[in-house]
Protein backbone atom coordinates (compact mmCIF):
# COMPACT_ATOMS: atom_id res chain seq x y z
CA MET A 1 67.19 242.09 -44.75
CA ASP A 2 64.84 244.26 -46.75
CA HIS A 3 63.52 241.10 -48.50
CA LEU A 4 63.39 239.34 -45.03
CA LEU A 5 61.27 242.75 -43.70
CA GLN A 6 58.95 242.55 -46.92
CA GLU A 7 58.10 239.03 -46.09
CA LEU A 8 56.84 239.67 -42.65
CA VAL A 9 54.95 242.84 -43.30
CA GLN A 10 52.92 240.90 -46.33
CA PHE A 11 52.19 237.99 -44.03
CA VAL A 12 50.84 240.43 -41.26
CA LEU A 13 48.63 241.72 -43.92
CA ARG A 14 47.40 237.99 -45.35
CA ILE A 15 46.89 237.71 -41.50
CA ASP A 16 44.79 240.85 -40.70
CA ALA A 17 42.68 240.02 -44.34
CA MET A 18 42.09 236.69 -42.91
CA ALA A 19 40.98 237.95 -39.27
CA VAL A 20 39.00 241.19 -41.01
CA ASP A 21 36.90 238.04 -42.85
CA ILE A 22 36.33 236.53 -39.96
CA VAL A 23 35.04 239.13 -37.51
CA VAL A 24 32.27 239.87 -40.68
CA GLU A 25 31.18 236.82 -40.70
CA LEU A 26 31.19 236.84 -36.43
CA ARG A 27 29.33 239.62 -36.36
CA ARG A 28 26.22 239.78 -34.24
CA PRO A 29 23.71 243.02 -34.08
CA LEU A 30 23.75 242.39 -29.75
CA PHE A 31 27.53 241.65 -29.34
CA THR A 32 28.09 244.94 -31.98
CA LYS A 33 25.65 247.43 -29.56
CA VAL A 34 28.05 246.12 -26.52
CA MET A 35 31.17 246.70 -28.52
CA ASN A 36 30.24 250.01 -29.96
CA SER A 37 29.15 250.79 -26.01
CA VAL A 38 32.45 249.90 -24.20
CA THR A 39 35.06 251.00 -27.33
CA GLY A 40 34.90 255.07 -25.79
CA LEU A 41 36.26 253.92 -22.67
CA GLY A 42 39.43 253.81 -24.84
CA SER A 43 39.15 257.39 -25.94
CA ALA A 44 40.90 260.54 -25.22
CA SER A 45 38.03 262.11 -23.19
CA ALA A 46 37.90 258.93 -21.20
CA GLY A 47 41.24 259.22 -20.50
CA LEU A 48 40.93 262.33 -19.18
CA VAL A 49 38.16 261.19 -16.74
CA PHE A 50 40.21 258.46 -15.53
CA LEU A 51 43.15 260.75 -15.05
CA GLY A 52 40.51 263.57 -13.18
CA LEU A 53 39.32 260.49 -11.19
CA PHE A 54 43.03 259.47 -9.80
CA TYR A 55 43.97 262.71 -9.39
CA LEU A 56 40.59 263.43 -7.19
CA ALA A 57 40.78 260.07 -5.27
CA ASP A 58 44.42 261.25 -4.26
CA TRP A 59 46.21 258.05 -6.43
CA HIS A 60 49.16 260.56 -7.07
CA ARG A 61 51.48 257.44 -8.56
CA GLU A 62 48.86 256.38 -10.16
CA PHE A 63 47.87 259.50 -11.41
CA LYS A 64 51.55 260.58 -12.72
CA LEU A 65 52.47 257.34 -14.44
CA THR A 66 48.97 256.82 -15.73
CA LEU A 67 49.83 260.53 -17.43
CA ALA A 68 53.20 259.94 -18.24
CA ALA A 69 52.53 256.90 -19.89
CA LEU A 70 49.11 258.50 -21.81
CA ILE A 71 51.13 261.48 -23.38
CA LEU A 72 54.10 258.96 -24.03
CA SER A 73 52.03 256.44 -25.94
CA GLY A 74 49.65 259.24 -27.40
CA VAL A 75 53.05 260.57 -29.15
CA ILE A 76 54.08 257.21 -30.45
CA VAL A 77 50.74 256.90 -31.48
CA GLY A 78 49.89 259.84 -33.50
CA SER A 79 53.56 259.82 -35.00
CA LEU A 80 53.09 255.99 -36.52
CA MET A 81 49.83 256.79 -37.91
CA LEU A 82 51.07 259.79 -39.61
CA LEU A 83 53.88 257.70 -41.17
CA VAL A 84 52.33 255.12 -42.03
CA GLN A 85 48.91 256.38 -42.94
CA ARG A 86 47.30 253.19 -42.97
CA PRO A 87 43.52 253.09 -44.18
CA TYR A 88 41.29 251.85 -42.38
CA PRO A 89 39.75 247.84 -42.78
CA PRO A 90 37.36 247.10 -45.45
CA GLN A 91 33.49 246.98 -43.71
CA PRO A 92 33.71 249.12 -40.84
CA VAL A 93 30.67 249.02 -38.32
CA CYS A 94 31.51 252.92 -37.24
CA LEU A 95 33.91 255.22 -37.98
CA THR A 96 33.66 258.15 -35.26
CA GLY A 97 35.71 261.69 -35.86
CA GLY A 98 35.88 263.81 -38.68
CA ALA A 99 38.61 266.46 -39.70
CA GLU A 100 40.44 266.85 -36.64
CA THR A 101 40.62 263.47 -35.95
CA ILE A 102 43.83 261.19 -37.87
CA ALA A 103 42.06 259.10 -40.23
CA HIS A 104 44.62 255.97 -40.20
CA SER A 105 44.04 252.68 -38.76
CA PHE A 106 47.52 252.07 -37.54
CA PRO A 107 48.10 251.44 -34.46
CA SER A 108 45.09 251.56 -32.16
CA GLY A 109 45.65 254.56 -29.79
CA HIS A 110 42.47 253.21 -28.11
CA ALA A 111 44.42 249.80 -27.28
CA ALA A 112 47.19 251.81 -26.37
CA ALA A 113 45.68 253.81 -23.44
CA VAL A 114 43.20 251.22 -22.15
CA SER A 115 47.02 248.73 -21.91
CA VAL A 116 48.37 251.87 -19.87
CA TYR A 117 45.40 251.49 -17.86
CA ALA A 118 46.05 247.83 -17.31
CA MET A 119 49.70 247.97 -16.84
CA VAL A 120 49.08 250.82 -13.83
CA ALA A 121 46.30 248.69 -12.25
CA HIS A 122 48.96 245.68 -12.39
CA ARG A 123 51.14 247.85 -10.11
CA SER A 124 49.36 249.49 -7.95
CA LYS A 125 48.15 248.78 -4.66
CA ILE A 126 44.52 250.44 -5.31
CA LEU A 127 43.21 249.78 -8.64
CA PRO A 128 41.90 246.12 -9.22
CA PHE A 129 44.05 244.61 -11.57
CA VAL A 130 41.55 241.77 -12.87
CA ILE A 131 38.79 244.29 -13.72
CA THR A 132 40.79 246.86 -15.33
CA THR A 133 42.96 244.07 -17.18
CA SER A 134 38.99 242.23 -18.29
CA ALA A 135 37.62 245.69 -19.32
CA ALA A 136 41.29 246.62 -21.47
CA ILE A 137 40.76 243.40 -23.16
CA LEU A 138 37.34 243.92 -24.38
CA ILE A 139 38.04 247.47 -25.49
CA ALA A 140 40.85 246.54 -27.68
CA PHE A 141 38.96 243.73 -29.34
CA SER A 142 36.34 245.80 -29.88
CA ARG A 143 38.44 247.82 -31.89
CA PHE A 144 39.18 245.46 -34.18
CA TYR A 145 35.46 243.93 -34.16
CA LEU A 146 34.18 246.86 -35.02
CA GLY A 147 36.36 247.60 -38.03
CA THR A 148 38.04 250.32 -36.79
CA HIS A 149 41.38 248.52 -37.00
CA TYR A 150 43.44 245.43 -38.18
CA LEU A 151 44.01 243.30 -35.54
CA SER A 152 48.02 243.94 -36.36
CA ASP A 153 47.36 247.52 -35.57
CA THR A 154 45.42 246.58 -31.85
CA VAL A 155 48.38 244.20 -31.55
CA PHE A 156 50.59 246.99 -31.98
CA GLY A 157 48.73 249.77 -29.83
CA VAL A 158 48.68 247.14 -26.98
CA LEU A 159 52.75 246.51 -26.73
CA ILE A 160 52.82 250.63 -27.37
CA GLY A 161 50.67 250.95 -24.08
CA ILE A 162 52.73 248.53 -22.13
CA GLY A 163 56.55 250.03 -23.82
CA ALA A 164 54.50 253.57 -22.46
CA VAL A 165 54.22 252.53 -18.74
CA LEU A 166 57.70 250.82 -19.09
CA VAL A 167 59.60 253.61 -19.93
CA ALA A 168 57.56 256.12 -17.39
CA GLU A 169 58.32 254.05 -14.44
CA ARG A 170 61.84 254.04 -15.35
CA MET A 171 62.16 258.02 -15.90
CA PHE A 172 60.08 258.02 -12.03
CA ASP A 173 62.64 255.07 -10.80
CA SER A 174 65.67 256.93 -12.31
CA ASP A 175 64.45 259.92 -10.13
CA ARG A 176 64.75 262.43 -13.64
CA LEU A 177 60.89 262.30 -12.67
CA PRO A 178 59.62 262.30 -9.38
CA ILE A 179 56.43 260.46 -8.59
CA SER A 180 55.62 260.89 -4.97
CA TYR A 181 54.83 264.05 -3.67
């Protein structure tokens, strides 16, 4: 079993290396500017803004589900970053943050966060699912394109975000946490 896991990890690392080579070759100045502009929408600061807007708009269900899923995904992402400590890919366009941030690549917290937004929009009667999901895909791709994460970091981040919403929904549906006022 251990050998199989090692082979799987090596396969993912080879795919990641090939994907980095491809994206570095495909980078163009204009597209890089666009990616630099949209990538921040997956940040913790943007999450606070989105939560504030949901609350002010009286979208209570969306607010609570997003808050719970973002907290859960943040704990998972932060824990995995500390546990795995994967370095950033080579040739990044930019790296932001300083000593106050966790400086590891795996998994992508931005991808997890925007997946939470897309999943909440999918379950909402209010939020525009197609627009939210399109933006989420673009933001998740930006993390890989800009070289702040490997492809597998981004994919795993998306899976964490989806799973966090499913767990948060289950918590609310089981009456452990009331979702309505």
